[in-house]
Structures are given as structure tokens and as C-alpha cells.
Amino acid sequence: MSALKHCLTPHERAVLAIIADGRTNKDIAQRMGIGQGGTRLAVHRIYRKLGVRSRRGAIWMYFTGDAFVASHRDAAERGRE
């Protein structure tokens, strides 16, 4: 199983999926129904847990993860419809 599945909460995985779509923190806040401060905190926790320092690093981790991460992204997409 993916390290991403074990180290990130479901909420953080959903935020990471939106980051991987190239969205801004403002977009993430709107889509997740949280404030921008909560979004910044979630993004910071994701970076720390993944051991990266940037969106680019987080996106790289997202796309090199296993099928669980990709399937979670699909679930996040269905939730937005």
C-alpha cells in the first residue's frame, strides 16, 4: 500500500488531489468548504508529512503514488458534481 495512504488523512488526501489539479488555496477552500487559513494549515501538514517543500514536490508525490491515490482523486471529482 502507498505511504500516502498511511501518512495522510482522508481530508489531506482530498486537498492533495485538488493541489494536483493545479488549483490555488482559494480554490481548495471553496471546494472543501473550509476557510483559507484551514487550507494553508492542511497544505503545510501535507508538505511536512510528505517531506516536501513545495506544491511541485507534493504533486510529484501524488502522481508517483499507487492506484489508491488516483482512485481517491476520482472520488473527489465525483464529490464535486
C-alpha atoms as a PDB file:
ATOM      1  CA  MET A   1       0.000   0.000   0.000  1.00  0.00           C
ATOM      2  CA  SER A   2       1.042   3.546  -0.593  1.00  0.00           C
ATOM      3  CA  ALA A   3       2.866   5.563   2.012  1.00  0.00           C
ATOM      4  CA  LEU A   4       0.465   8.365   1.110  1.00  0.00           C
ATOM      5  CA  LYS A   5      -2.483   6.279   2.257  1.00  0.00           C
ATOM      6  CA  HIS A   6      -0.899   5.714   5.637  1.00  0.00           C
ATOM      7  CA  CYS A   7       0.517   9.147   6.352  1.00  0.00           C
ATOM      8  CA  LEU A   8      -2.268  11.435   5.093  1.00  0.00           C
ATOM      9  CA  THR A   9      -5.782  11.719   6.470  1.00  0.00           C
ATOM     10  CA  PRO A  10      -8.706  11.393   4.034  1.00  0.00           C
ATOM     11  CA  HIS A  11      -9.140  15.185   4.228  1.00  0.00           C
ATOM     12  CA  GLU A  12      -5.452  15.758   3.408  1.00  0.00           C
ATOM     13  CA  ARG A  13      -5.634  13.302   0.507  1.00  0.00           C
ATOM     14  CA  ALA A  14      -8.627  15.215  -0.887  1.00  0.00           C
ATOM     15  CA  VAL A  15      -6.714  18.505  -0.560  1.00  0.00           C
ATOM     16  CA  LEU A  16      -3.694  16.916  -2.257  1.00  0.00           C
ATOM     17  CA  ALA A  17      -5.891  15.758  -5.158  1.00  0.00           C
ATOM     18  CA  ILE A  18      -7.074  19.334  -5.668  1.00  0.00           C
ATOM     19  CA  ILE A  19      -3.489  20.615  -5.457  1.00  0.00           C
ATOM     20  CA  ALA A  20      -2.573  18.062  -8.135  1.00  0.00           C
ATOM     21  CA  ASP A  21      -5.269  19.597 -10.351  1.00  0.00           C
ATOM     22  CA  GLY A  22      -3.262  22.828 -10.210  1.00  0.00           C
ATOM     23  CA  ARG A  23      -5.744  24.713  -8.051  1.00  0.00           C
ATOM     24  CA  THR A  24      -4.974  27.585  -5.691  1.00  0.00           C
ATOM     25  CA  ASN A  25      -5.520  27.631  -1.927  1.00  0.00           C
ATOM     26  CA  LYS A  26      -8.585  29.804  -2.545  1.00  0.00           C
ATOM     27  CA  ASP A  27      -9.982  27.145  -4.909  1.00  0.00           C
ATOM     28  CA  ILE A  28      -9.231  24.423  -2.369  1.00  0.00           C
ATOM     29  CA  ALA A  29     -11.028  26.369   0.376  1.00  0.00           C
ATOM     30  CA  GLN A  30     -14.109  26.818  -1.798  1.00  0.00           C
ATOM     31  CA  ARG A  31     -14.224  23.209  -2.955  1.00  0.00           C
ATOM     32  CA  MET A  32     -13.641  21.762   0.528  1.00  0.00           C
ATOM     33  CA  GLY A  33     -15.922  24.235   2.305  1.00  0.00           C
ATOM     34  CA  ILE A  34     -13.174  25.425   4.654  1.00  0.00           C
ATOM     35  CA  GLY A  35     -11.517  28.778   5.254  1.00  0.00           C
ATOM     36  CA  GLN A  36      -8.288  29.844   3.591  1.00  0.00           C
ATOM     37  CA  GLY A  37      -6.475  29.595   6.942  1.00  0.00           C
ATOM     38  CA  GLY A  38      -7.583  25.972   7.272  1.00  0.00           C
ATOM     39  CA  THR A  39      -6.429  25.355   3.727  1.00  0.00           C
ATOM     40  CA  ARG A  40      -2.973  26.805   4.429  1.00  0.00           C
ATOM     41  CA  LEU A  41      -2.719  24.618   7.529  1.00  0.00           C
ATOM     42  CA  ALA A  42      -3.745  21.489   5.613  1.00  0.00           C
ATOM     43  CA  VAL A  43      -1.260  22.240   2.820  1.00  0.00           C
ATOM     44  CA  HIS A  44       1.512  22.801   5.375  1.00  0.00           C
ATOM     45  CA  ARG A  45       0.716  19.467   7.102  1.00  0.00           C
ATOM     46  CA  ILE A  46       0.743  17.682   3.737  1.00  0.00           C
ATOM     47  CA  TYR A  47       4.153  19.135   2.876  1.00  0.00           C
ATOM     48  CA  ARG A  48       5.525  18.150   6.288  1.00  0.00           C
ATOM     49  CA  LYS A  49       4.147  14.607   6.154  1.00  0.00           C
ATOM     50  CA  LEU A  50       5.396  14.052   2.604  1.00  0.00           C
ATOM     51  CA  GLY A  51       8.764  15.631   3.354  1.00  0.00           C
ATOM     52  CA  VAL A  52       8.468  18.191   0.565  1.00  0.00           C
ATOM     53  CA  ARG A  53       8.841  21.962   0.483  1.00  0.00           C
ATOM     54  CA  SER A  54       6.644  22.944  -2.445  1.00  0.00           C
ATOM     55  CA  ARG A  55       3.493  22.234  -4.422  1.00  0.00           C
ATOM     56  CA  ARG A  56       5.677  20.759  -7.139  1.00  0.00           C
ATOM     57  CA  GLY A  57       7.083  18.230  -4.650  1.00  0.00           C
ATOM     58  CA  ALA A  58       3.618  17.370  -3.348  1.00  0.00           C
ATOM     59  CA  ILE A  59       2.289  16.932  -6.873  1.00  0.00           C
ATOM     60  CA  TRP A  60       5.237  14.690  -7.751  1.00  0.00           C
ATOM     61  CA  MET A  61       4.457  12.526  -4.711  1.00  0.00           C
ATOM     62  CA  TYR A  62       0.797  12.429  -5.719  1.00  0.00           C
ATOM     63  CA  PHE A  63       1.464  11.235  -9.258  1.00  0.00           C
ATOM     64  CA  THR A  64       4.144   8.722  -8.278  1.00  0.00           C
ATOM     65  CA  GLY A  65       1.932   7.169  -5.594  1.00  0.00           C
ATOM     66  CA  ASP A  66      -0.076   3.985  -6.104  1.00  0.00           C
ATOM     67  CA  ALA A  67      -3.540   3.493  -7.566  1.00  0.00           C
ATOM     68  CA  PHE A  68      -5.161   4.335  -4.216  1.00  0.00           C
ATOM     69  CA  VAL A  69      -4.220   7.987  -4.641  1.00  0.00           C
ATOM     70  CA  ALA A  70      -5.517   8.110  -8.212  1.00  0.00           C
ATOM     71  CA  SER A  71      -8.762   6.424  -7.200  1.00  0.00           C
ATOM     72  CA  HIS A  72      -9.144   8.901  -4.353  1.00  0.00           C
ATOM     73  CA  ARG A  73      -8.810  11.760  -6.849  1.00  0.00           C
ATOM     74  CA  ASP A  74     -11.591  10.218  -8.909  1.00  0.00           C
ATOM     75  CA  ALA A  75     -13.752  10.046  -5.775  1.00  0.00           C
ATOM     76  CA  ALA A  76     -13.008  13.705  -5.050  1.00  0.00           C
ATOM     77  CA  GLU A  77     -14.086  14.581  -8.601  1.00  0.00           C
ATOM     78  CA  ARG A  78     -17.371  12.713  -8.168  1.00  0.00           C
ATOM     79  CA  GLY A  79     -17.988  14.596  -4.915  1.00  0.00           C
ATOM     80  CA  ARG A  80     -17.762  17.938  -6.728  1.00  0.00           C
ATOM     81  CA  GLU A  81     -20.512  17.074  -9.224  1.00  0.00           C
END
